[in-house]
């Protein structure tokens, strides 16, 4: 079965309500308006911007990697400015403590009596920029786990709910190893996407240098609100996904696991651990958002294939054979996509 056989241009079950269809239209227009505003500040990186917005509309978190000077931080700060959401930036350093992220109890005196009061840390925000997250030890990195997965923080036995929407965008420099700490697998698995920024083209770099070395207006409009983002996250889950598409997403993920007897030989040769069930869930959920943004009401195989690199690349643990042969996670994923067949009906 081809993609065209499972993609519908008209509303289908799950999105028949007029208000739902209006919300989908608003999502598409809002995406276009956000891209237009981002373009006032960021040059190029079209695929990166699309995947960042897909993650935002799906309610996921993003890990953004790239060499210094590619505007990782500026891109994230611009998205926060456009949405007018509360924004916190944490510069992760080796001496950062969990209490510097989550908050801590302090003794407060009131009317002659002392009591412990919890002072919330910078994690209590809508958009959290975890800048250079791999520069802090795993103990501090793990302070984000509960907030990213359950949208809450437990401190001194008390649970504090996070503001909604809550979106973690972390950056890391992939070329510096001294003074850095690899992110634990449990931490990496909380990120829906790992997005890689590459160098700009010569023409794009000329445009950047031209605009940033003269006076420029960085004021951006605010086409969407936090309430809109929450509504988009709800409507995305109502998009139908054919059982065959879900099966295809699961097959891709299963094929990355060398313990699976049906895994390709190259996976068994190069991969120590493959992706878990969150990868399958994120592939389908992000595929639903991508389908809506591309004007469709069903998830297609192409949606799954297009998002597979960003969903899977940080969930594969390669072995020393792959390192010796200079095989990257992206190369393994490319071969998996070529190898795994679409389900036959």
Protein backbone atom coordinates (compact mmCIF):
# COMPACT_ATOMS: atom_id res chain seq x y z
CA UNK A 1 0.00 0.00 0.00
CA UNK A 2 1.38 3.42 -0.93
CA UNK A 3 1.19 6.61 1.10
CA UNK A 4 -1.49 8.02 -1.16
CA UNK A 5 -3.75 5.11 -0.32
CA UNK A 6 -3.75 5.94 3.39
CA UNK A 7 -3.78 9.73 3.18
CA UNK A 8 -7.05 11.63 2.94
CA UNK A 9 -7.48 15.23 1.81
CA UNK A 10 -10.89 15.49 3.46
CA UNK A 11 -11.76 15.29 7.15
CA UNK A 12 -12.05 11.78 8.57
CA UNK A 13 -13.32 10.24 11.77
CA UNK A 14 -11.77 12.00 14.75
CA UNK A 15 -11.64 15.42 13.09
CA UNK A 16 -15.21 15.94 11.91
CA UNK A 17 -16.14 18.74 14.30
CA UNK A 18 -16.17 22.22 12.73
CA UNK A 19 -14.27 23.68 15.68
CA UNK A 20 -11.59 20.99 15.33
CA UNK A 21 -11.13 21.76 11.64
CA UNK A 22 -10.90 25.48 12.42
CA UNK A 23 -8.24 24.68 15.02
CA UNK A 24 -6.24 22.68 12.47
CA UNK A 25 -6.43 25.65 10.10
CA UNK A 26 -5.22 27.91 12.89
CA UNK A 27 -2.32 25.55 13.55
CA UNK A 28 -1.26 25.68 9.91
CA UNK A 29 -1.57 29.47 9.73
CA UNK A 30 0.16 29.83 13.10
CA UNK A 31 3.07 27.73 11.87
CA UNK A 32 3.44 29.91 8.79
CA UNK A 33 3.29 33.09 10.89
CA UNK A 34 5.84 31.76 13.39
CA UNK A 35 8.22 30.80 10.59
CA UNK A 36 7.82 34.30 9.14
CA UNK A 37 8.70 35.86 12.50
CA UNK A 38 11.62 33.48 13.08
CA UNK A 39 12.94 34.45 9.64
CA UNK A 40 13.39 38.02 10.92
CA UNK A 41 16.11 36.73 13.21
CA UNK A 42 17.27 33.33 11.91
CA UNK A 43 18.62 32.67 8.42
CA UNK A 44 18.30 29.20 6.86
CA UNK A 45 17.85 26.04 8.95
CA UNK A 46 14.42 25.31 7.42
CA UNK A 47 14.34 21.64 8.46
CA UNK A 48 15.47 22.51 11.98
CA UNK A 49 12.73 25.10 12.41
CA UNK A 50 10.07 22.70 11.10
CA UNK A 51 11.07 19.93 13.50
CA UNK A 52 11.30 22.37 16.41
CA UNK A 53 7.72 23.51 15.77
CA UNK A 54 6.51 19.92 15.31
CA UNK A 55 7.96 19.06 18.70
CA UNK A 56 6.36 22.12 20.26
CA UNK A 57 2.92 21.34 18.79
CA UNK A 58 3.26 17.69 19.87
CA UNK A 59 4.22 18.58 23.44
CA UNK A 60 7.71 17.07 23.22
CA UNK A 61 11.16 18.25 24.23
CA UNK A 62 14.15 18.90 21.95
CA UNK A 63 17.88 18.38 22.20
CA UNK A 64 19.64 20.70 19.75
CA UNK A 65 23.26 20.04 18.85
CA UNK A 66 25.67 21.99 16.71
CA UNK A 67 29.04 23.68 16.76
CA UNK A 68 29.29 27.12 18.40
CA UNK A 69 27.95 30.10 16.50
CA UNK A 70 25.02 28.45 14.68
CA UNK A 71 22.37 30.42 16.62
CA UNK A 72 21.05 27.49 18.70
CA UNK A 73 20.33 29.70 21.70
CA UNK A 74 19.02 32.57 19.57
CA UNK A 75 16.56 30.27 17.80
CA UNK A 76 15.13 28.98 21.08
CA UNK A 77 14.94 32.45 22.63
CA UNK A 78 13.15 33.74 19.51
CA UNK A 79 10.48 31.01 19.76
CA UNK A 80 9.86 32.01 23.39
CA UNK A 81 9.62 35.69 22.43
CA UNK A 82 7.10 34.98 19.67
CA UNK A 83 4.86 32.95 21.97
CA UNK A 84 5.22 35.44 24.87
CA UNK A 85 5.67 32.55 27.28
CA UNK A 86 7.64 32.56 30.51
CA UNK A 87 11.23 31.76 29.63
CA UNK A 88 14.16 30.64 31.75
CA UNK A 89 17.70 29.98 30.72
CA UNK A 90 20.06 27.82 32.76
CA UNK A 91 23.72 27.84 31.82
CA UNK A 92 24.80 24.35 32.82
CA UNK A 93 28.24 24.23 34.44
CA UNK A 94 30.19 21.53 36.34
CA UNK A 95 29.39 23.12 39.71
CA UNK A 96 25.63 23.44 39.11
CA UNK A 97 23.57 21.67 41.78
CA UNK A 98 20.06 20.11 41.47
CA UNK A 99 18.73 22.79 43.84
CA UNK A 100 19.96 25.44 41.38
CA UNK A 101 17.53 23.94 38.84
CA UNK A 102 14.56 22.76 40.88
CA UNK A 103 14.69 25.10 43.85
CA UNK A 104 15.26 24.61 47.56
CA UNK A 105 13.69 25.07 50.95
CA UNK A 106 14.82 28.09 52.94
CA UNK A 107 14.07 29.21 56.48
CA UNK A 108 11.74 32.20 56.52
CA UNK A 109 10.79 34.17 59.60
CA UNK A 110 7.26 35.55 59.87
CA UNK A 111 5.78 37.19 62.97
CA UNK A 112 8.54 35.78 65.11
CA UNK A 113 8.09 32.22 63.87
CA UNK A 114 10.39 30.35 61.55
CA UNK A 115 9.22 27.95 58.90
CA UNK A 116 10.58 26.21 55.82
CA UNK A 117 9.45 27.70 52.53
CA UNK A 118 10.09 26.16 49.14
CA UNK A 119 11.56 28.68 46.70
CA UNK A 120 10.97 27.55 43.12
CA UNK A 121 13.93 27.33 40.79
CA UNK A 122 14.18 28.35 37.11
CA UNK A 123 12.65 25.05 35.98
CA UNK A 124 9.23 26.46 36.85
CA UNK A 125 8.59 28.17 33.56
CA UNK A 126 6.96 27.51 30.17
CA UNK A 127 10.08 27.26 28.02
CA UNK A 128 13.31 26.15 29.65
CA UNK A 129 16.57 26.55 27.79
CA UNK A 130 19.09 24.10 29.22
CA UNK A 131 22.19 25.60 27.63
CA UNK A 132 25.14 23.22 27.16
CA UNK A 133 23.39 20.55 29.21
CA UNK A 134 26.30 18.15 28.89
CA UNK A 135 28.58 20.43 30.93
CA UNK A 136 26.96 19.44 34.23
CA UNK A 137 27.25 16.07 36.04
CA UNK A 138 24.51 13.44 35.65
CA UNK A 139 23.23 14.15 39.17
CA UNK A 140 22.20 17.64 38.10
CA UNK A 141 21.05 16.52 34.65
CA UNK A 142 18.68 14.07 36.34
CA UNK A 143 16.92 16.93 38.14
CA UNK A 144 15.06 17.49 34.85
CA UNK A 145 13.74 13.93 34.50
CA UNK A 146 10.54 14.16 36.53
CA UNK A 147 9.60 17.55 35.10
CA UNK A 148 10.15 16.42 31.50
CA UNK A 149 8.17 13.19 31.83
CA UNK A 150 5.45 13.91 34.39
CA UNK A 151 5.23 17.71 34.23
CA UNK A 152 5.81 17.96 37.97
CA UNK A 153 8.63 18.32 40.49
CA UNK A 154 8.82 16.63 43.88
CA UNK A 155 10.81 18.47 46.54
CA UNK A 156 10.91 17.62 50.24
CA UNK A 157 8.06 15.17 49.71
CA UNK A 158 5.77 17.78 48.15
CA UNK A 159 4.71 17.63 44.50
CA UNK A 160 4.63 20.88 42.55
CA UNK A 161 2.88 20.96 39.17
CA UNK A 162 4.62 22.62 36.24
CA UNK A 163 3.08 25.48 34.28
CA UNK A 164 1.52 24.51 30.96
CA UNK A 165 2.73 24.37 28.31
CA UNK A 166 6.14 23.14 29.46
CA UNK A 167 8.86 22.70 26.90
CA UNK A 168 12.54 21.86 27.50
CA UNK A 169 15.03 22.83 24.82
CA UNK A 170 18.55 21.69 25.56
CA UNK A 171 21.69 22.52 23.60
CA UNK A 172 25.03 20.81 23.51
CA UNK A 173 28.30 21.24 21.67
CA UNK A 174 29.19 17.94 19.95
CA UNK A 175 32.86 18.70 19.31
CA UNK A 176 34.09 19.55 22.82
CA UNK A 177 34.69 16.56 25.10
CA UNK A 178 36.85 18.07 27.84
CA UNK A 179 34.77 19.12 30.83
CA UNK A 180 31.59 17.49 29.53
CA UNK A 181 29.46 14.60 30.75
CA UNK A 182 27.57 12.32 28.34
CA UNK A 183 23.83 12.47 28.93
CA UNK A 184 22.48 9.27 30.55
CA UNK A 185 20.27 7.14 28.33
CA UNK A 186 17.27 7.83 30.58
CA UNK A 187 17.79 11.56 30.07
CA UNK A 188 18.21 11.26 26.30
CA UNK A 189 15.05 9.17 26.01
CA UNK A 190 12.97 12.05 27.42
CA UNK A 191 13.73 14.15 24.35
CA UNK A 192 11.33 13.65 21.44
CA UNK A 193 13.89 14.91 18.92
CA UNK A 194 17.61 15.32 18.69
CA UNK A 195 18.01 18.03 16.07
CA UNK A 196 21.39 18.67 14.48
CA UNK A 197 22.29 22.10 13.14
CA UNK A 198 24.73 22.22 10.27
CA UNK A 199 26.73 25.04 8.74
CA UNK A 200 24.92 27.56 6.58
CA UNK A 201 25.48 27.84 2.85
CA UNK A 202 27.74 30.60 1.56
CA UNK A 203 24.74 32.69 0.47
CA UNK A 204 23.03 32.27 3.85
CA UNK A 205 26.19 33.19 5.73
CA UNK A 206 26.60 36.31 3.60
CA UNK A 207 23.03 37.26 4.57
CA UNK A 208 23.76 36.67 8.27
CA UNK A 209 26.91 38.78 8.23
CA UNK A 210 25.16 41.53 6.28
CA UNK A 211 22.19 41.78 8.66
CA UNK A 212 24.03 41.35 11.95
CA UNK A 213 26.70 43.97 11.27
CA UNK A 214 24.22 46.80 10.86
CA UNK A 215 21.33 48.16 12.88
CA UNK A 216 18.41 45.76 12.71
CA UNK A 217 14.96 45.56 14.24
CA UNK A 218 14.51 42.25 16.09
CA UNK A 219 10.96 42.98 17.21
CA UNK A 220 8.70 40.02 16.51
CA UNK A 221 4.92 39.67 16.39
CA UNK A 222 3.00 37.24 18.58
CA UNK A 223 0.61 35.23 16.38
CA UNK A 224 0.08 32.41 18.91
CA UNK A 225 -0.35 32.07 22.67
CA UNK A 226 0.34 29.36 25.21
CA UNK A 227 -3.36 28.42 25.14
CA UNK A 228 -3.10 27.90 21.36
CA UNK A 229 -0.15 25.55 21.82
CA UNK A 230 -2.08 23.47 24.37
CA UNK A 231 -5.03 23.30 21.98
CA UNK A 232 -2.73 22.16 19.15
CA UNK A 233 -1.29 19.44 21.39
CA UNK A 234 -4.80 18.16 22.12
CA UNK A 235 -5.98 18.19 18.51
CA UNK A 236 -2.85 16.39 17.28
CA UNK A 237 -3.74 13.34 19.36
CA UNK A 238 -7.11 13.10 17.59
CA UNK A 239 -5.51 12.59 14.17
CA UNK A 240 -6.16 9.01 12.98
CA UNK A 241 -3.18 6.77 12.29
CA UNK A 242 -3.80 3.61 10.29
CA UNK A 243 -2.82 0.39 12.04
CA UNK A 244 -0.40 -0.35 9.21
CA UNK A 245 1.39 3.00 9.79
CA UNK A 246 1.69 2.32 13.52
CA UNK A 247 2.99 -1.16 12.71
CA UNK A 248 5.56 0.35 10.33
CA UNK A 249 6.78 2.77 13.04
CA UNK A 250 7.11 -0.10 15.50
CA UNK A 251 8.97 -2.21 12.92
CA UNK A 252 11.49 0.58 12.38
CA UNK A 253 12.14 0.82 16.11
CA UNK A 254 12.35 -2.97 16.55
CA UNK A 255 14.87 -3.13 13.72
CA UNK A 256 17.27 -0.93 15.74
CA UNK A 257 17.47 -3.52 18.54
CA UNK A 258 20.29 -6.04 18.06
CA UNK A 259 18.60 -8.38 20.56
CA UNK A 260 15.70 -8.76 18.11
CA UNK A 261 16.23 -11.93 16.07
CA UNK A 262 14.79 -10.19 12.99
CA UNK A 263 17.13 -7.19 13.25
CA UNK A 264 19.33 -6.60 10.18
CA UNK A 265 22.87 -7.95 10.36
CA UNK A 266 24.40 -4.46 10.28
CA UNK A 267 22.40 -3.53 13.40
CA UNK A 268 23.72 -6.61 15.21
CA UNK A 269 27.24 -5.67 14.12
CA UNK A 270 27.15 -1.98 15.06
CA UNK A 271 24.51 -1.38 17.75
CA UNK A 272 24.73 -2.27 21.44
CA UNK A 273 21.29 -0.99 22.44
CA UNK A 274 18.44 0.14 20.24
CA UNK A 275 15.50 2.48 20.74
CA UNK A 276 12.76 1.85 23.30
CA UNK A 277 9.00 2.20 23.18
CA UNK A 278 9.10 6.00 23.56
CA UNK A 279 10.64 6.10 20.09
CA UNK A 280 7.59 4.37 18.59
CA UNK A 281 5.23 6.66 20.49
CA UNK A 282 7.14 9.79 19.45
CA UNK A 283 7.30 8.71 15.81
CA UNK A 284 3.53 8.35 15.59
CA UNK A 285 2.67 11.46 17.64
CA UNK A 286 5.12 13.68 15.77
CA UNK A 287 3.87 12.13 12.51
CA UNK A 288 0.35 13.27 13.38
CA UNK A 289 1.52 16.87 13.81
CA UNK A 290 3.55 16.74 10.59
CA UNK A 291 0.52 15.42 8.71
CA UNK A 292 -1.64 18.31 9.93
CA UNK A 293 1.02 20.89 9.10
CA UNK A 294 1.28 19.43 5.59
CA UNK A 295 -2.49 19.69 5.10
CA UNK A 296 -3.40 16.04 5.66
CA UNK A 297 -5.65 14.33 8.19
CA UNK A 298 -3.91 10.95 8.34
CA UNK A 299 -0.36 9.91 9.12
CA UNK A 300 1.57 8.47 6.19
CA UNK A 301 4.62 6.25 5.91
CA UNK A 302 6.52 9.27 4.62
CA UNK A 303 5.77 11.16 7.83
CA UNK A 304 7.35 8.33 9.82
CA UNK A 305 10.37 8.10 7.53
CA UNK A 306 10.94 11.87 7.54
CA UNK A 307 11.01 12.06 11.33
CA UNK A 308 12.88 8.82 12.03
CA UNK A 309 16.42 10.33 12.10
CA UNK A 310 15.59 12.99 14.70
CA UNK A 311 13.54 10.57 16.82
CA UNK A 312 16.06 7.71 16.73
CA UNK A 313 19.57 9.18 16.50
CA UNK A 314 19.96 9.82 20.24
CA UNK A 315 18.38 6.49 21.19
CA UNK A 316 20.95 4.23 19.54
CA UNK A 317 24.07 3.19 21.41
CA UNK A 318 26.73 2.19 18.92
CA UNK A 319 29.55 -0.23 19.77
CA UNK A 320 33.29 -0.01 19.15
CA UNK A 321 32.94 -1.77 15.78
CA UNK A 322 30.83 1.10 14.50
CA UNK A 323 33.27 3.65 15.93
CA UNK A 324 36.20 1.86 14.30
CA UNK A 325 34.40 1.93 10.96
CA UNK A 326 33.26 5.54 11.52
CA UNK A 327 29.62 4.58 11.29
CA UNK A 328 27.22 7.19 12.69
CA UNK A 329 23.75 6.72 14.15
CA UNK A 330 22.32 8.51 11.11
CA UNK A 331 23.95 5.97 8.79
CA UNK A 332 22.43 3.09 10.76
CA UNK A 333 19.01 4.77 10.66
CA UNK A 334 19.29 5.37 6.91
CA UNK A 335 20.01 1.69 6.34
CA UNK A 336 17.17 0.64 8.65
CA UNK A 337 14.72 2.81 6.68
CA UNK A 338 15.95 1.23 3.44
CA UNK A 339 15.67 -2.28 4.88
CA UNK A 340 12.33 -2.26 6.72
CA UNK A 341 9.37 -2.91 4.43
CA UNK A 342 5.96 -1.30 4.73
CA UNK A 343 3.34 -3.75 6.06
CA UNK A 344 1.32 -5.50 3.40
CA UNK A 345 -2.45 -5.54 3.73
